[in-house]
C-alpha cells in the first residue's frame, strides 16, 4: 500500500501560476467536488459526534485543559472596517496580537461579558474563548472564512434570539475602539483589533477520531483536533526541506490551507514533488472544494497537458 499524504490547500486558482504543479495536476485524477471551505476539508480527515464542530471547546482544552463540560464560544480578536452603509469583517484571529495586548484587551472586555454571566479568557493571543452558562442558547454564527469580507450585520444573528449577541458585539467594539493598544498597532502598521467574532460554539466532544498517523499544521484548531484524537501534531516547519526517505509509511496530513502562493512555489511544491517521485500518493483538498489524487505513475500520462 502506498504512503499517503493528505494536503489541505488554498483555492486551486491561487496556485495556478506554478507550472510544474499544473502539469502534475493535469495528469492526476480529479475526484468529485466537495463542499467548499476549510472546516469541510477538516471533516474529511476527522470525525466527531454529530453536529457542528465545537471549535472553542476543543481549542480551550488543548491550550488550557479546563474545558470540562462547559459551553464555549470562540471570541477571536477581529478587525472590522466601517463603511457608509455598515461594516465589513476584514480579519479574524491571526492579527499578530501580542500576549500583553491580548491580556489587556480581554481584561478591558471582561466586564462587558460578565454582565451576561459569561467569562472571557485568553487561550492564545490570536484566539480567545468565551465560557457561556449552559442555560444560554447560542445562535449559529458563521465560521470566520465564511464571514470574512462580508457585510458584518448580514452575518449577525437576527431577531429576538440574536439581540443579546448583537448588543454584546457592539459593546465590545466600543471598548476595543478606545483601547490604547490600537494606537500602538496603528503606529506599527498593524490593523486594529476593534471587534470580536463569535463562532464554533459547543461543549467538548467525548471523542475525536482521525485516520492520520501524524499531522503537520500551524493552525491551533488542527492541533486541538489532533490532541483530542491522540495523534502526534507538529509544526509544518518540521517538514520543510525534509528528505523524502524520512517519510512515514502511514497516512499523514499536511495543512497548507493558509500558505502564500510564493511560499508554495518556492518551498512546498518542491517538497511535494520530491514526495511524489519517492512514491507517495498525494490527496489534495482545495479550499474551493476541488479534490485531486496524484501518484508517481501519473507522470506517464504525458498526453494530458496542463490547461487542456
C-alpha atoms as a PDB file:
ATOM      1  CA  UNK A   1       0.000   0.000   0.000  1.00  0.00           C
ATOM      2  CA  UNK A   2       1.377   3.383  -0.996  1.00  0.00           C
ATOM      3  CA  UNK A   3       2.236   6.004   1.572  1.00  0.00           C
ATOM      4  CA  UNK A   4      -0.473   8.675   1.536  1.00  0.00           C
ATOM      5  CA  UNK A   5      -0.057  12.390   2.237  1.00  0.00           C
ATOM      6  CA  UNK A   6      -3.300  14.333   2.570  1.00  0.00           C
ATOM      7  CA  UNK A   7      -2.723  18.010   1.795  1.00  0.00           C
ATOM      8  CA  UNK A   8      -5.087  20.888   2.567  1.00  0.00           C
ATOM      9  CA  UNK A   9      -4.540  23.758   0.127  1.00  0.00           C
ATOM     10  CA  UNK A  10      -5.948  27.214  -0.720  1.00  0.00           C
ATOM     11  CA  UNK A  11      -8.260  27.594  -3.703  1.00  0.00           C
ATOM     12  CA  UNK A  12      -6.864  25.973  -6.844  1.00  0.00           C
ATOM     13  CA  UNK A  13      -6.733  29.257  -8.764  1.00  0.00           C
ATOM     14  CA  UNK A  14      -4.303  30.770  -6.235  1.00  0.00           C
ATOM     15  CA  UNK A  15      -1.696  28.177  -7.184  1.00  0.00           C
ATOM     16  CA  UNK A  16      -2.328  28.046 -10.923  1.00  0.00           C
ATOM     17  CA  UNK A  17       0.845  30.021 -11.747  1.00  0.00           C
ATOM     18  CA  UNK A  18       3.098  27.129 -10.646  1.00  0.00           C
ATOM     19  CA  UNK A  19       3.686  25.437 -13.998  1.00  0.00           C
ATOM     20  CA  UNK A  20       5.184  22.160 -12.752  1.00  0.00           C
ATOM     21  CA  UNK A  21       2.290  21.783 -10.326  1.00  0.00           C
ATOM     22  CA  UNK A  22      -0.173  22.372 -13.174  1.00  0.00           C
ATOM     23  CA  UNK A  23       1.425  19.591 -15.195  1.00  0.00           C
ATOM     24  CA  UNK A  24       1.085  17.072 -12.384  1.00  0.00           C
ATOM     25  CA  UNK A  25      -2.489  18.183 -11.742  1.00  0.00           C
ATOM     26  CA  UNK A  26      -3.369  17.653 -15.398  1.00  0.00           C
ATOM     27  CA  UNK A  27      -2.001  14.109 -15.244  1.00  0.00           C
ATOM     28  CA  UNK A  28      -3.606  13.298 -11.894  1.00  0.00           C
ATOM     29  CA  UNK A  29      -7.149  12.140 -11.220  1.00  0.00           C
ATOM     30  CA  UNK A  30      -9.905  14.605 -10.380  1.00  0.00           C
ATOM     31  CA  UNK A  31     -12.383  13.427  -7.746  1.00  0.00           C
ATOM     32  CA  UNK A  32     -15.959  14.636  -7.221  1.00  0.00           C
ATOM     33  CA  UNK A  33     -16.087  18.232  -5.985  1.00  0.00           C
ATOM     34  CA  UNK A  34     -16.802  18.622  -2.273  1.00  0.00           C
ATOM     35  CA  UNK A  35     -18.394  21.430  -0.295  1.00  0.00           C
ATOM     36  CA  UNK A  36     -16.006  24.416  -0.261  1.00  0.00           C
ATOM     37  CA  UNK A  37     -14.439  25.542   2.994  1.00  0.00           C
ATOM     38  CA  UNK A  38     -11.620  24.721   5.377  1.00  0.00           C
ATOM     39  CA  UNK A  39     -13.823  23.133   8.053  1.00  0.00           C
ATOM     40  CA  UNK A  40     -15.447  20.927   5.439  1.00  0.00           C
ATOM     41  CA  UNK A  41     -11.988  19.731   4.375  1.00  0.00           C
ATOM     42  CA  UNK A  42     -11.105  19.034   8.017  1.00  0.00           C
ATOM     43  CA  UNK A  43     -14.261  16.959   8.385  1.00  0.00           C
ATOM     44  CA  UNK A  44     -12.855  14.601   5.745  1.00  0.00           C
ATOM     45  CA  UNK A  45      -9.837  13.942   7.978  1.00  0.00           C
ATOM     46  CA  UNK A  46     -11.505  13.982  11.411  1.00  0.00           C
ATOM     47  CA  UNK A  47     -14.708  12.569  12.881  1.00  0.00           C
ATOM     48  CA  UNK A  48     -16.558  13.766  15.975  1.00  0.00           C
ATOM     49  CA  UNK A  49     -20.100  13.225  17.317  1.00  0.00           C
ATOM     50  CA  UNK A  50     -22.922  14.615  15.184  1.00  0.00           C
ATOM     51  CA  UNK A  51     -23.299  18.370  14.968  1.00  0.00           C
ATOM     52  CA  UNK A  52     -21.174  21.412  14.138  1.00  0.00           C
ATOM     53  CA  UNK A  53     -17.525  21.341  15.146  1.00  0.00           C
ATOM     54  CA  UNK A  54     -17.217  22.747  18.727  1.00  0.00           C
ATOM     55  CA  UNK A  55     -14.024  24.598  17.893  1.00  0.00           C
ATOM     56  CA  UNK A  56     -13.957  26.765  21.024  1.00  0.00           C
ATOM     57  CA  UNK A  57     -14.139  23.867  23.490  1.00  0.00           C
ATOM     58  CA  UNK A  58     -11.519  21.877  21.582  1.00  0.00           C
ATOM     59  CA  UNK A  59      -9.118  24.824  21.481  1.00  0.00           C
ATOM     60  CA  UNK A  60      -9.734  25.625  25.151  1.00  0.00           C
ATOM     61  CA  UNK A  61      -8.981  22.061  26.183  1.00  0.00           C
ATOM     62  CA  UNK A  62      -5.851  21.990  24.051  1.00  0.00           C
ATOM     63  CA  UNK A  63      -4.364  25.239  25.372  1.00  0.00           C
ATOM     64  CA  UNK A  64      -5.638  25.285  28.966  1.00  0.00           C
ATOM     65  CA  UNK A  65      -7.021  21.818  29.777  1.00  0.00           C
ATOM     66  CA  UNK A  66     -10.074  23.228  31.553  1.00  0.00           C
ATOM     67  CA  UNK A  67     -12.908  22.948  29.014  1.00  0.00           C
ATOM     68  CA  UNK A  68     -14.716  20.445  31.218  1.00  0.00           C
ATOM     69  CA  UNK A  69     -18.356  20.040  30.257  1.00  0.00           C
ATOM     70  CA  UNK A  70     -18.922  23.780  29.843  1.00  0.00           C
ATOM     71  CA  UNK A  71     -20.324  25.573  26.832  1.00  0.00           C
ATOM     72  CA  UNK A  72     -17.648  27.561  24.985  1.00  0.00           C
ATOM     73  CA  UNK A  73     -17.676  30.041  22.117  1.00  0.00           C
ATOM     74  CA  UNK A  74     -14.691  31.351  20.153  1.00  0.00           C
ATOM     75  CA  UNK A  75     -14.448  35.116  20.659  1.00  0.00           C
ATOM     76  CA  UNK A  76     -11.496  35.740  18.392  1.00  0.00           C
ATOM     77  CA  UNK A  77      -9.954  39.212  18.027  1.00  0.00           C
ATOM     78  CA  UNK A  78     -11.281  40.765  14.837  1.00  0.00           C
ATOM     79  CA  UNK A  79     -10.806  43.715  12.519  1.00  0.00           C
ATOM     80  CA  UNK A  80     -13.948  45.432  11.282  1.00  0.00           C
ATOM     81  CA  UNK A  81     -13.853  48.189   8.658  1.00  0.00           C
ATOM     82  CA  UNK A  82     -16.709  50.727   8.929  1.00  0.00           C
ATOM     83  CA  UNK A  83     -18.409  51.691   5.656  1.00  0.00           C
ATOM     84  CA  UNK A  84     -21.051  54.203   4.639  1.00  0.00           C
ATOM     85  CA  UNK A  85     -23.786  51.597   4.735  1.00  0.00           C
ATOM     86  CA  UNK A  86     -22.475  49.349   7.523  1.00  0.00           C
ATOM     87  CA  UNK A  87     -19.264  47.500   8.272  1.00  0.00           C
ATOM     88  CA  UNK A  88     -17.198  44.650   6.877  1.00  0.00           C
ATOM     89  CA  UNK A  89     -15.229  41.924   8.645  1.00  0.00           C
ATOM     90  CA  UNK A  90     -11.670  42.058   7.256  1.00  0.00           C
ATOM     91  CA  UNK A  91      -9.744  39.929   9.728  1.00  0.00           C
ATOM     92  CA  UNK A  92     -10.361  37.366  12.446  1.00  0.00           C
ATOM     93  CA  UNK A  93      -7.661  35.702  14.511  1.00  0.00           C
ATOM     94  CA  UNK A  94      -4.054  35.711  13.312  1.00  0.00           C
ATOM     95  CA  UNK A  95      -3.858  39.508  13.626  1.00  0.00           C
ATOM     96  CA  UNK A  96      -0.382  39.457  15.220  1.00  0.00           C
ATOM     97  CA  UNK A  97      -1.753  40.339  18.657  1.00  0.00           C
ATOM     98  CA  UNK A  98       0.968  40.250  21.307  1.00  0.00           C
ATOM     99  CA  UNK A  99       0.448  38.341  24.540  1.00  0.00           C
ATOM    100  CA  UNK A 100       0.471  41.588  26.518  1.00  0.00           C
ATOM    101  CA  UNK A 101      -2.092  43.262  24.245  1.00  0.00           C
ATOM    102  CA  UNK A 102      -4.343  40.187  24.275  1.00  0.00           C
ATOM    103  CA  UNK A 103      -4.316  40.106  28.080  1.00  0.00           C
ATOM    104  CA  UNK A 104      -5.016  43.834  28.289  1.00  0.00           C
ATOM    105  CA  UNK A 105      -7.854  43.755  25.760  1.00  0.00           C
ATOM    106  CA  UNK A 106      -9.532  40.741  27.328  1.00  0.00           C
ATOM    107  CA  UNK A 107      -9.263  42.382  30.741  1.00  0.00           C
ATOM    108  CA  UNK A 108     -10.960  45.504  29.321  1.00  0.00           C
ATOM    109  CA  UNK A 109     -13.741  43.351  27.825  1.00  0.00           C
ATOM    110  CA  UNK A 110     -14.279  41.136  30.832  1.00  0.00           C
ATOM    111  CA  UNK A 111     -16.949  43.307  32.486  1.00  0.00           C
ATOM    112  CA  UNK A 112     -18.973  43.558  29.263  1.00  0.00           C
ATOM    113  CA  UNK A 113     -19.388  39.792  29.130  1.00  0.00           C
ATOM    114  CA  UNK A 114     -19.570  39.262  32.895  1.00  0.00           C
ATOM    115  CA  UNK A 115     -22.792  41.298  32.991  1.00  0.00           C
ATOM    116  CA  UNK A 116     -24.346  38.485  30.934  1.00  0.00           C
ATOM    117  CA  UNK A 117     -22.896  35.756  33.147  1.00  0.00           C
ATOM    118  CA  UNK A 118     -20.124  34.944  30.678  1.00  0.00           C
ATOM    119  CA  UNK A 119     -16.363  34.717  31.230  1.00  0.00           C
ATOM    120  CA  UNK A 120     -13.805  35.701  28.585  1.00  0.00           C
ATOM    121  CA  UNK A 121     -10.355  34.089  28.534  1.00  0.00           C
ATOM    122  CA  UNK A 122      -7.165  34.313  26.505  1.00  0.00           C
ATOM    123  CA  UNK A 123      -6.349  30.832  25.256  1.00  0.00           C
ATOM    124  CA  UNK A 124      -3.776  32.039  22.760  1.00  0.00           C
ATOM    125  CA  UNK A 125      -3.102  35.697  21.850  1.00  0.00           C
ATOM    126  CA  UNK A 126      -4.846  35.175  18.494  1.00  0.00           C
ATOM    127  CA  UNK A 127      -7.713  33.031  19.835  1.00  0.00           C
ATOM    128  CA  UNK A 128      -9.920  33.931  22.799  1.00  0.00           C
ATOM    129  CA  UNK A 129     -12.650  31.809  24.358  1.00  0.00           C
ATOM    130  CA  UNK A 130     -15.929  32.767  25.991  1.00  0.00           C
ATOM    131  CA  UNK A 131     -17.463  30.473  28.603  1.00  0.00           C
ATOM    132  CA  UNK A 132     -21.231  30.712  28.417  1.00  0.00           C
ATOM    133  CA  UNK A 133     -23.730  29.394  31.002  1.00  0.00           C
ATOM    134  CA  UNK A 134     -25.441  26.200  29.893  1.00  0.00           C
ATOM    135  CA  UNK A 135     -28.872  27.859  30.082  1.00  0.00           C
ATOM    136  CA  UNK A 136     -27.904  30.466  27.453  1.00  0.00           C
ATOM    137  CA  UNK A 137     -28.784  29.485  23.900  1.00  0.00           C
ATOM    138  CA  UNK A 138     -26.034  30.376  21.436  1.00  0.00           C
ATOM    139  CA  UNK A 139     -27.245  31.047  17.886  1.00  0.00           C
ATOM    140  CA  UNK A 140     -25.344  29.799  14.861  1.00  0.00           C
ATOM    141  CA  UNK A 141     -22.574  32.212  13.849  1.00  0.00           C
ATOM    142  CA  UNK A 142     -20.792  31.822  10.504  1.00  0.00           C
ATOM    143  CA  UNK A 143     -17.252  30.496  10.720  1.00  0.00           C
ATOM    144  CA  UNK A 144     -14.544  33.110  10.002  1.00  0.00           C
ATOM    145  CA  UNK A 145     -13.765  32.080   6.418  1.00  0.00           C
ATOM    146  CA  UNK A 146     -17.453  32.436   5.535  1.00  0.00           C
ATOM    147  CA  UNK A 147     -17.827  35.804   7.270  1.00  0.00           C
ATOM    148  CA  UNK A 148     -14.585  37.438   6.093  1.00  0.00           C
ATOM    149  CA  UNK A 149     -15.183  40.152   3.530  1.00  0.00           C
ATOM    150  CA  UNK A 150     -18.928  40.044   4.049  1.00  0.00           C
ATOM    151  CA  UNK A 151     -21.230  42.703   5.439  1.00  0.00           C
ATOM    152  CA  UNK A 152     -20.951  42.361   9.216  1.00  0.00           C
ATOM    153  CA  UNK A 153     -24.590  42.978  10.002  1.00  0.00           C
ATOM    154  CA  UNK A 154     -25.769  40.415   7.476  1.00  0.00           C
ATOM    155  CA  UNK A 155     -23.706  37.805   9.328  1.00  0.00           C
ATOM    156  CA  UNK A 156     -25.033  38.539  12.825  1.00  0.00           C
ATOM    157  CA  UNK A 157     -27.962  36.525  14.252  1.00  0.00           C
ATOM    158  CA  UNK A 158     -31.354  38.089  13.621  1.00  0.00           C
ATOM    159  CA  UNK A 159     -34.481  38.615  15.709  1.00  0.00           C
ATOM    160  CA  UNK A 160     -35.008  38.365  19.444  1.00  0.00           C
ATOM    161  CA  UNK A 161     -32.682  35.363  19.685  1.00  0.00           C
ATOM    162  CA  UNK A 162     -29.791  37.411  18.341  1.00  0.00           C
ATOM    163  CA  UNK A 163     -30.461  40.686  20.168  1.00  0.00           C
ATOM    164  CA  UNK A 164     -28.276  39.835  23.182  1.00  0.00           C
ATOM    165  CA  UNK A 165     -25.384  38.834  20.911  1.00  0.00           C
ATOM    166  CA  UNK A 166     -25.638  41.847  18.630  1.00  0.00           C
ATOM    167  CA  UNK A 167     -25.550  44.080  21.692  1.00  0.00           C
ATOM    168  CA  UNK A 168     -22.531  42.262  23.124  1.00  0.00           C
ATOM    169  CA  UNK A 169     -20.568  42.628  19.897  1.00  0.00           C
ATOM    170  CA  UNK A 170     -21.499  46.319  19.663  1.00  0.00           C
ATOM    171  CA  UNK A 171     -20.339  46.934  23.229  1.00  0.00           C
ATOM    172  CA  UNK A 172     -17.120  45.021  22.604  1.00  0.00           C
ATOM    173  CA  UNK A 173     -16.455  47.212  19.576  1.00  0.00           C
ATOM    174  CA  UNK A 174     -16.821  50.377  21.665  1.00  0.00           C
ATOM    175  CA  UNK A 175     -14.397  49.049  24.304  1.00  0.00           C
ATOM    176  CA  UNK A 176     -11.808  47.921  21.765  1.00  0.00           C
ATOM    177  CA  UNK A 177     -12.080  51.045  19.607  1.00  0.00           C
ATOM    178  CA  UNK A 178     -10.926  53.091  22.598  1.00  0.00           C
ATOM    179  CA  UNK A 179      -8.244  50.662  23.743  1.00  0.00           C
ATOM    180  CA  UNK A 180      -4.740  52.240  23.768  1.00  0.00           C
ATOM    181  CA  UNK A 181      -3.163  49.146  22.198  1.00  0.00           C
ATOM    182  CA  UNK A 182      -4.791  50.026  18.888  1.00  0.00           C
ATOM    183  CA  UNK A 183      -2.959  53.347  18.687  1.00  0.00           C
ATOM    184  CA  UNK A 184       0.329  51.481  19.051  1.00  0.00           C
ATOM    185  CA  UNK A 185      -0.761  48.925  16.444  1.00  0.00           C
ATOM    186  CA  UNK A 186      -1.545  51.732  14.028  1.00  0.00           C
ATOM    187  CA  UNK A 187       1.954  53.176  14.517  1.00  0.00           C
ATOM    188  CA  UNK A 188       3.370  49.719  13.775  1.00  0.00           C
ATOM    189  CA  UNK A 189       1.329  49.410  10.575  1.00  0.00           C
ATOM    190  CA  UNK A 190      -0.941  46.698  12.000  1.00  0.00           C
ATOM    191  CA  UNK A 191      -4.724  46.596  11.577  1.00  0.00           C
ATOM    192  CA  UNK A 192      -6.799  47.491  14.636  1.00  0.00           C
ATOM    193  CA  UNK A 193      -8.381  44.884  16.863  1.00  0.00           C
ATOM    194  CA  UNK A 194     -11.741  46.610  17.119  1.00  0.00           C
ATOM    195  CA  UNK A 195     -14.188  43.724  17.496  1.00  0.00           C
ATOM    196  CA  UNK A 196     -14.524  40.059  18.350  1.00  0.00           C
ATOM    197  CA  UNK A 197     -16.024  37.372  16.166  1.00  0.00           C
ATOM    198  CA  UNK A 198     -18.107  34.683  17.836  1.00  0.00           C
ATOM    199  CA  UNK A 199     -18.215  31.186  16.323  1.00  0.00           C
ATOM    200  CA  UNK A 200     -17.517  27.499  16.996  1.00  0.00           C
ATOM    201  CA  UNK A 201     -19.892  27.121  19.964  1.00  0.00           C
ATOM    202  CA  UNK A 202     -20.392  23.898  21.887  1.00  0.00           C
ATOM    203  CA  UNK A 203     -19.108  21.589  24.580  1.00  0.00           C
ATOM    204  CA  UNK A 204     -16.031  19.378  24.388  1.00  0.00           C
ATOM    205  CA  UNK A 205     -16.942  16.252  22.400  1.00  0.00           C
ATOM    206  CA  UNK A 206     -16.487  12.869  24.053  1.00  0.00           C
ATOM    207  CA  UNK A 207     -14.240  11.751  21.229  1.00  0.00           C
ATOM    208  CA  UNK A 208     -12.496  12.785  18.028  1.00  0.00           C
ATOM    209  CA  UNK A 209     -11.173  10.226  15.556  1.00  0.00           C
ATOM    210  CA  UNK A 210      -8.537  10.721  12.891  1.00  0.00           C
ATOM    211  CA  UNK A 211      -7.167   8.337  10.270  1.00  0.00           C
ATOM    212  CA  UNK A 212      -3.769  10.068  10.150  1.00  0.00           C
ATOM    213  CA  UNK A 213      -0.630   8.802  11.831  1.00  0.00           C
ATOM    214  CA  UNK A 214       0.821  12.312  12.099  1.00  0.00           C
ATOM    215  CA  UNK A 215      -0.312  15.861  11.416  1.00  0.00           C
ATOM    216  CA  UNK A 216       1.724  18.896  10.347  1.00  0.00           C
ATOM    217  CA  UNK A 217      -0.030  22.231  10.811  1.00  0.00           C
ATOM    218  CA  UNK A 218       0.358  25.748  12.181  1.00  0.00           C
ATOM    219  CA  UNK A 219      -3.381  26.095  12.884  1.00  0.00           C
ATOM    220  CA  UNK A 220      -4.405  25.939  16.535  1.00  0.00           C
ATOM    221  CA  UNK A 221      -7.731  24.261  15.715  1.00  0.00           C
ATOM    222  CA  UNK A 222      -5.968  21.434  13.882  1.00  0.00           C
ATOM    223  CA  UNK A 223      -3.641  20.992  16.860  1.00  0.00           C
ATOM    224  CA  UNK A 224      -6.678  20.841  19.146  1.00  0.00           C
ATOM    225  CA  UNK A 225      -8.368  18.201  16.976  1.00  0.00           C
ATOM    226  CA  UNK A 226      -5.173  16.183  16.818  1.00  0.00           C
ATOM    227  CA  UNK A 227      -4.683  16.335  20.585  1.00  0.00           C
ATOM    228  CA  UNK A 228      -8.238  15.152  21.234  1.00  0.00           C
ATOM    229  CA  UNK A 229      -7.772  12.339  18.710  1.00  0.00           C
ATOM    230  CA  UNK A 230      -4.468  11.295  20.297  1.00  0.00           C
ATOM    231  CA  UNK A 231      -2.469  11.951  17.130  1.00  0.00           C
ATOM    232  CA  UNK A 232       1.043  13.415  17.066  1.00  0.00           C
ATOM    233  CA  UNK A 233       0.886  17.019  15.783  1.00  0.00           C
ATOM    234  CA  UNK A 234       3.929  19.039  14.744  1.00  0.00           C
ATOM    235  CA  UNK A 235       4.606  22.382  13.118  1.00  0.00           C
ATOM    236  CA  UNK A 236       4.834  22.145   9.358  1.00  0.00           C
ATOM    237  CA  UNK A 237       8.310  23.698   9.593  1.00  0.00           C
ATOM    238  CA  UNK A 238       9.459  20.205  10.552  1.00  0.00           C
ATOM    239  CA  UNK A 239       8.645  19.026   7.035  1.00  0.00           C
ATOM    240  CA  UNK A 240      10.094  21.910   5.036  1.00  0.00           C
ATOM    241  CA  UNK A 241      13.256  20.613   3.425  1.00  0.00           C
ATOM    242  CA  UNK A 242      12.812  17.110   4.871  1.00  0.00           C
ATOM    243  CA  UNK A 243      14.254  14.271   2.821  1.00  0.00           C
ATOM    244  CA  UNK A 244      11.580  12.039   1.296  1.00  0.00           C
ATOM    245  CA  UNK A 245      13.315   8.947   2.663  1.00  0.00           C
ATOM    246  CA  UNK A 246      12.205  10.064   6.143  1.00  0.00           C
ATOM    247  CA  UNK A 247       8.523   9.879   5.281  1.00  0.00           C
ATOM    248  CA  UNK A 248       6.039   7.839   7.292  1.00  0.00           C
ATOM    249  CA  UNK A 249       4.678   4.584   5.935  1.00  0.00           C
ATOM    250  CA  UNK A 250       1.171   5.585   7.010  1.00  0.00           C
ATOM    251  CA  UNK A 251      -1.279   8.333   6.092  1.00  0.00           C
ATOM    252  CA  UNK A 252      -0.261  11.827   7.173  1.00  0.00           C
ATOM    253  CA  UNK A 253      -1.921  15.236   6.993  1.00  0.00           C
ATOM    254  CA  UNK A 254      -0.144  18.411   5.863  1.00  0.00           C
ATOM    255  CA  UNK A 255      -2.168  21.576   6.417  1.00  0.00           C
ATOM    256  CA  UNK A 256      -1.187  24.256   3.885  1.00  0.00           C
ATOM    257  CA  UNK A 257      -4.590  25.933   3.672  1.00  0.00           C
ATOM    258  CA  UNK A 258      -3.157  29.362   4.536  1.00  0.00           C
ATOM    259  CA  UNK A 259       0.078  29.085   2.537  1.00  0.00           C
ATOM    260  CA  UNK A 260       1.030  32.084   0.431  1.00  0.00           C
ATOM    261  CA  UNK A 261       1.384  31.361  -3.321  1.00  0.00           C
ATOM    262  CA  UNK A 262       5.063  32.347  -3.486  1.00  0.00           C
ATOM    263  CA  UNK A 263       5.834  30.150  -0.453  1.00  0.00           C
ATOM    264  CA  UNK A 264       4.051  27.224  -2.096  1.00  0.00           C
ATOM    265  CA  UNK A 265       6.085  27.761  -5.259  1.00  0.00           C
ATOM    266  CA  UNK A 266       9.482  28.062  -3.557  1.00  0.00           C
ATOM    267  CA  UNK A 267       9.143  25.725  -0.575  1.00  0.00           C
ATOM    268  CA  UNK A 268       6.163  23.412  -0.606  1.00  0.00           C
ATOM    269  CA  UNK A 269       5.789  22.361  -4.219  1.00  0.00           C
ATOM    270  CA  UNK A 270       9.447  21.166  -4.401  1.00  0.00           C
ATOM    271  CA  UNK A 271       8.825  19.196  -1.203  1.00  0.00           C
ATOM    272  CA  UNK A 272       5.581  17.681  -2.528  1.00  0.00           C
ATOM    273  CA  UNK A 273       7.147  16.860  -5.880  1.00  0.00           C
ATOM    274  CA  UNK A 274      10.014  15.047  -4.122  1.00  0.00           C
ATOM    275  CA  UNK A 275       7.470  13.033  -2.130  1.00  0.00           C
ATOM    276  CA  UNK A 276       5.626  12.181  -5.338  1.00  0.00           C
ATOM    277  CA  UNK A 277       8.759  10.984  -7.040  1.00  0.00           C
ATOM    278  CA  UNK A 278       9.608   8.895  -3.959  1.00  0.00           C
ATOM    279  CA  UNK A 279       6.281   7.073  -4.387  1.00  0.00           C
ATOM    280  CA  UNK A 280       3.953   8.946  -2.038  1.00  0.00           C
ATOM    281  CA  UNK A 281       0.336   9.333  -3.140  1.00  0.00           C
ATOM    282  CA  UNK A 282      -0.879  12.918  -2.745  1.00  0.00           C
ATOM    283  CA  UNK A 283      -4.537  13.517  -1.930  1.00  0.00           C
ATOM    284  CA  UNK A 284      -5.176  17.213  -2.438  1.00  0.00           C
ATOM    285  CA  UNK A 285      -8.118  19.062  -0.919  1.00  0.00           C
ATOM    286  CA  UNK A 286      -8.500  22.633  -2.184  1.00  0.00           C
ATOM    287  CA  UNK A 287     -10.438  25.269  -0.260  1.00  0.00           C
ATOM    288  CA  UNK A 288     -12.748  25.796  -3.245  1.00  0.00           C
ATOM    289  CA  UNK A 289     -13.962  22.196  -2.942  1.00  0.00           C
ATOM    290  CA  UNK A 290     -11.881  20.617  -5.690  1.00  0.00           C
ATOM    291  CA  UNK A 291     -10.306  17.257  -4.850  1.00  0.00           C
ATOM    292  CA  UNK A 292      -7.448  15.544  -6.667  1.00  0.00           C
ATOM    293  CA  UNK A 293      -5.273  12.444  -6.368  1.00  0.00           C
ATOM    294  CA  UNK A 294      -1.766  12.450  -7.829  1.00  0.00           C
ATOM    295  CA  UNK A 295       0.545   9.418  -7.968  1.00  0.00           C
ATOM    296  CA  UNK A 296       4.028   8.830  -9.337  1.00  0.00           C
ATOM    297  CA  UNK A 297       2.621   6.586 -12.078  1.00  0.00           C
ATOM    298  CA  UNK A 298       0.565   9.525 -13.384  1.00  0.00           C
ATOM    299  CA  UNK A 299       3.721  11.018 -14.888  1.00  0.00           C
ATOM    300  CA  UNK A 300       3.222   8.502 -17.703  1.00  0.00           C
ATOM    301  CA  UNK A 301       0.031  10.273 -18.731  1.00  0.00           C
ATOM    302  CA  UNK A 302       2.140  12.543 -20.895  1.00  0.00           C
ATOM    303  CA  UNK A 303      -0.719  13.131 -23.343  1.00  0.00           C
ATOM    304  CA  UNK A 304      -2.540  15.166 -20.687  1.00  0.00           C
ATOM    305  CA  UNK A 305      -1.447  18.795 -20.949  1.00  0.00           C
ATOM    306  CA  UNK A 306      -1.823  21.498 -18.322  1.00  0.00           C
ATOM    307  CA  UNK A 307      -4.613  23.875 -19.223  1.00  0.00           C
ATOM    308  CA  UNK A 308      -6.066  21.468 -21.775  1.00  0.00           C
END
